[in-house]
Amino acid sequence: MTLIMSSLITQIIGFACMAHLIVDFIVTLDKAWIPTKPFKCDKCFAFWLSIGPMMIQYGLTGILYSAIIAIVAQIIFKYTV
């Protein structure tokens, strides 16, 4: 049980950090043809980036984990900018 929770926490933090880094890169490109949502929004991008892998791995509970990932990405954005 502890190993599973440790792996899940690592995945949540990893997806949130990866989404933040990708969005930060996309925002620096500053291209008009890139839509604001979901590509320039940490919360949206993190959710859509993680929804597929999380649902494959955890089933419908993956939606909840993706929501948590989105909020963690937003917290990272709020405190690193």
N, C-alpha and C. Protein backbone atom coordinates (compact mmCIF):
# COMPACT_ATOMS: atom_id res chain seq x y z
N MET A 1 0.83 -1.21 0.00
CA MET A 1 0.00 0.00 0.00
C MET A 1 0.86 1.26 0.00
N THR A 2 1.91 1.26 0.80
CA THR A 2 2.77 2.43 0.90
C THR A 2 3.48 2.69 -0.41
N LEU A 3 3.93 1.63 -1.08
CA LEU A 3 4.62 1.78 -2.36
C LEU A 3 3.68 2.33 -3.42
N ILE A 4 2.43 1.89 -3.41
CA ILE A 4 1.45 2.39 -4.38
C ILE A 4 1.18 3.87 -4.15
N MET A 5 1.01 4.28 -2.90
CA MET A 5 0.76 5.70 -2.61
C MET A 5 1.97 6.55 -2.96
N SER A 6 3.16 6.03 -2.70
CA SER A 6 4.38 6.75 -3.02
C SER A 6 4.49 6.95 -4.53
N SER A 7 4.16 5.91 -5.28
CA SER A 7 4.19 5.99 -6.74
C SER A 7 3.15 6.99 -7.25
N LEU A 8 1.97 6.98 -6.66
CA LEU A 8 0.91 7.90 -7.07
C LEU A 8 1.29 9.35 -6.78
N ILE A 9 1.85 9.60 -5.62
CA ILE A 9 2.27 10.96 -5.27
C ILE A 9 3.36 11.42 -6.21
N THR A 10 4.29 10.53 -6.55
CA THR A 10 5.34 10.87 -7.50
C THR A 10 4.75 11.20 -8.86
N GLN A 11 3.77 10.43 -9.31
CA GLN A 11 3.12 10.70 -10.60
C GLN A 11 2.39 12.04 -10.57
N ILE A 12 1.68 12.33 -9.50
CA ILE A 12 0.94 13.58 -9.40
C ILE A 12 1.90 14.77 -9.47
N ILE A 13 2.94 14.73 -8.66
CA ILE A 13 3.90 15.84 -8.66
C ILE A 13 4.64 15.91 -9.99
N GLY A 14 4.98 14.76 -10.56
CA GLY A 14 5.69 14.72 -11.84
C GLY A 14 4.87 15.30 -12.98
N PHE A 15 3.61 14.90 -13.09
CA PHE A 15 2.74 15.44 -14.14
C PHE A 15 2.54 16.94 -13.97
N ALA A 16 2.35 17.38 -12.74
CA ALA A 16 2.14 18.81 -12.49
C ALA A 16 3.38 19.62 -12.87
N CYS A 17 4.55 19.14 -12.50
CA CYS A 17 5.79 19.84 -12.83
C CYS A 17 6.05 19.83 -14.33
N MET A 18 5.82 18.68 -14.97
CA MET A 18 6.03 18.59 -16.40
C MET A 18 5.09 19.54 -17.15
N ALA A 19 3.84 19.59 -16.75
CA ALA A 19 2.88 20.49 -17.38
C ALA A 19 3.30 21.95 -17.20
N HIS A 20 3.76 22.29 -16.00
CA HIS A 20 4.19 23.66 -15.74
C HIS A 20 5.37 24.04 -16.63
N LEU A 21 6.34 23.15 -16.76
CA LEU A 21 7.50 23.43 -17.59
C LEU A 21 7.13 23.57 -19.07
N ILE A 22 6.25 22.71 -19.56
CA ILE A 22 5.82 22.79 -20.96
C ILE A 22 5.06 24.07 -21.23
N VAL A 23 4.13 24.42 -20.33
CA VAL A 23 3.35 25.66 -20.51
C VAL A 23 4.26 26.88 -20.44
N ASP A 24 5.23 26.86 -19.53
CA ASP A 24 6.16 27.97 -19.43
C ASP A 24 6.93 28.14 -20.74
N PHE A 25 7.33 27.04 -21.36
CA PHE A 25 8.01 27.11 -22.66
C PHE A 25 7.09 27.64 -23.75
N ILE A 26 5.86 27.15 -23.78
CA ILE A 26 4.90 27.58 -24.81
C ILE A 26 4.61 29.07 -24.68
N VAL A 27 4.47 29.55 -23.45
CA VAL A 27 4.19 30.97 -23.23
C VAL A 27 5.35 31.84 -23.71
N THR A 28 6.58 31.37 -23.54
CA THR A 28 7.73 32.16 -24.00
C THR A 28 7.80 32.24 -25.52
N LEU A 29 7.18 31.29 -26.22
CA LEU A 29 7.15 31.37 -27.68
C LEU A 29 6.34 32.57 -28.16
N ASP A 30 5.28 32.89 -27.44
CA ASP A 30 4.43 34.06 -27.71
C ASP A 30 3.94 34.11 -29.15
N LYS A 31 3.40 33.00 -29.61
CA LYS A 31 2.83 32.92 -30.97
C LYS A 31 1.33 33.13 -30.90
N ALA A 32 0.81 33.93 -31.81
CA ALA A 32 -0.62 34.25 -31.80
C ALA A 32 -1.48 33.04 -32.19
N TRP A 33 -0.93 32.12 -32.98
CA TRP A 33 -1.72 30.99 -33.45
C TRP A 33 -1.88 29.89 -32.41
N ILE A 34 -1.17 29.99 -31.28
CA ILE A 34 -1.32 29.00 -30.22
C ILE A 34 -2.49 29.42 -29.33
N PRO A 35 -3.54 28.59 -29.23
CA PRO A 35 -4.70 28.97 -28.42
C PRO A 35 -4.35 29.09 -26.94
N THR A 36 -5.02 30.02 -26.27
CA THR A 36 -4.77 30.25 -24.85
C THR A 36 -5.15 29.03 -24.02
N LYS A 37 -6.32 28.50 -24.24
CA LYS A 37 -6.76 27.30 -23.52
C LYS A 37 -6.64 26.13 -24.47
N PRO A 38 -6.05 25.06 -24.16
CA PRO A 38 -5.41 24.66 -22.92
C PRO A 38 -3.90 24.86 -22.92
N PHE A 39 -3.33 25.42 -23.99
CA PHE A 39 -1.88 25.41 -24.13
C PHE A 39 -1.15 26.48 -23.33
N LYS A 40 -1.82 27.52 -22.89
CA LYS A 40 -1.16 28.57 -22.12
C LYS A 40 -1.70 28.67 -20.70
N CYS A 41 -2.41 27.66 -20.28
CA CYS A 41 -3.01 27.63 -18.94
C CYS A 41 -2.49 26.38 -18.23
N ASP A 42 -1.78 26.57 -17.11
CA ASP A 42 -1.19 25.45 -16.38
C ASP A 42 -2.25 24.43 -15.96
N LYS A 43 -3.34 24.93 -15.42
CA LYS A 43 -4.37 24.04 -14.89
C LYS A 43 -4.99 23.19 -16.01
N CYS A 44 -5.35 23.84 -17.11
CA CYS A 44 -5.98 23.12 -18.23
C CYS A 44 -5.01 22.12 -18.86
N PHE A 45 -3.79 22.58 -19.11
CA PHE A 45 -2.81 21.73 -19.77
C PHE A 45 -2.47 20.52 -18.91
N ALA A 46 -2.31 20.72 -17.61
CA ALA A 46 -1.99 19.62 -16.71
C ALA A 46 -3.12 18.58 -16.71
N PHE A 47 -4.35 19.06 -16.69
CA PHE A 47 -5.48 18.13 -16.69
C PHE A 47 -5.50 17.31 -17.97
N TRP A 48 -5.40 17.97 -19.12
CA TRP A 48 -5.49 17.25 -20.39
C TRP A 48 -4.25 16.40 -20.67
N LEU A 49 -3.11 16.80 -20.15
CA LEU A 49 -1.90 16.01 -20.30
C LEU A 49 -1.99 14.72 -19.51
N SER A 50 -2.62 14.75 -18.36
CA SER A 50 -2.62 13.59 -17.47
C SER A 50 -3.87 12.72 -17.56
N ILE A 51 -4.92 13.20 -18.17
CA ILE A 51 -6.18 12.45 -18.14
C ILE A 51 -6.07 11.07 -18.81
N GLY A 52 -5.38 11.00 -19.93
CA GLY A 52 -5.24 9.72 -20.64
C GLY A 52 -4.45 8.69 -19.83
N PRO A 53 -3.21 9.02 -19.47
CA PRO A 53 -2.44 8.04 -18.70
C PRO A 53 -3.08 7.67 -17.36
N MET A 54 -3.69 8.63 -16.69
CA MET A 54 -4.30 8.34 -15.40
C MET A 54 -5.52 7.44 -15.54
N MET A 55 -6.33 7.66 -16.57
CA MET A 55 -7.51 6.80 -16.76
C MET A 55 -7.10 5.40 -17.20
N ILE A 56 -6.03 5.30 -17.99
CA ILE A 56 -5.56 3.98 -18.38
C ILE A 56 -5.07 3.22 -17.16
N GLN A 57 -4.35 3.90 -16.30
CA GLN A 57 -3.76 3.22 -15.15
C GLN A 57 -4.75 2.99 -14.01
N TYR A 58 -5.65 3.97 -13.74
CA TYR A 58 -6.52 3.90 -12.56
C TYR A 58 -8.01 3.83 -12.87
N GLY A 59 -8.39 3.79 -14.13
CA GLY A 59 -9.81 3.73 -14.49
C GLY A 59 -10.49 5.08 -14.26
N LEU A 60 -11.74 5.06 -13.86
CA LEU A 60 -12.47 6.31 -13.66
C LEU A 60 -11.92 7.16 -12.53
N THR A 61 -11.22 6.55 -11.59
CA THR A 61 -10.58 7.31 -10.51
C THR A 61 -9.49 8.22 -11.08
N GLY A 62 -8.99 7.89 -12.25
CA GLY A 62 -7.98 8.72 -12.91
C GLY A 62 -8.45 10.14 -13.18
N ILE A 63 -9.75 10.32 -13.34
CA ILE A 63 -10.30 11.67 -13.54
C ILE A 63 -10.04 12.51 -12.28
N LEU A 64 -10.25 11.90 -11.13
CA LEU A 64 -10.00 12.62 -9.87
C LEU A 64 -8.52 12.94 -9.71
N TYR A 65 -7.67 11.99 -10.06
CA TYR A 65 -6.24 12.23 -9.96
C TYR A 65 -5.79 13.32 -10.93
N SER A 66 -6.39 13.38 -12.10
CA SER A 66 -6.07 14.45 -13.06
C SER A 66 -6.50 15.81 -12.53
N ALA A 67 -7.62 15.85 -11.84
CA ALA A 67 -8.06 17.10 -11.23
C ALA A 67 -7.07 17.55 -10.15
N ILE A 68 -6.58 16.60 -9.36
CA ILE A 68 -5.58 16.93 -8.34
C ILE A 68 -4.31 17.43 -9.00
N ILE A 69 -3.90 16.80 -10.09
CA ILE A 69 -2.71 17.23 -10.82
C ILE A 69 -2.88 18.66 -11.32
N ALA A 70 -4.06 18.99 -11.82
CA ALA A 70 -4.32 20.34 -12.32
C ALA A 70 -4.19 21.37 -11.20
N ILE A 71 -4.72 21.07 -10.04
CA ILE A 71 -4.62 22.00 -8.91
C ILE A 71 -3.18 22.14 -8.43
N VAL A 72 -2.44 21.04 -8.38
CA VAL A 72 -1.03 21.11 -7.98
C VAL A 72 -0.24 21.94 -8.99
N ALA A 73 -0.53 21.79 -10.28
CA ALA A 73 0.15 22.60 -11.30
C ALA A 73 -0.16 24.08 -11.10
N GLN A 74 -1.39 24.39 -10.75
CA GLN A 74 -1.76 25.78 -10.51
C GLN A 74 -1.04 26.34 -9.29
N ILE A 75 -0.90 25.53 -8.25
CA ILE A 75 -0.16 25.96 -7.06
C ILE A 75 1.31 26.20 -7.39
N ILE A 76 1.89 25.30 -8.20
CA ILE A 76 3.28 25.50 -8.63
C ILE A 76 3.41 26.81 -9.41
N PHE A 77 2.46 27.06 -10.31
CA PHE A 77 2.48 28.29 -11.10
C PHE A 77 2.37 29.52 -10.20
N LYS A 78 1.47 29.46 -9.22
CA LYS A 78 1.23 30.60 -8.36
C LYS A 78 2.46 30.98 -7.54
N TYR A 79 3.21 29.99 -7.09
CA TYR A 79 4.33 30.26 -6.20
C TYR A 79 5.69 30.29 -6.89
N THR A 80 5.74 30.13 -8.21
CA THR A 80 7.03 30.20 -8.91
C THR A 80 7.13 31.36 -9.86
N VAL A 81 6.06 32.08 -10.06
CA VAL A 81 6.12 33.21 -11.01
C VAL A 81 6.45 34.49 -10.29
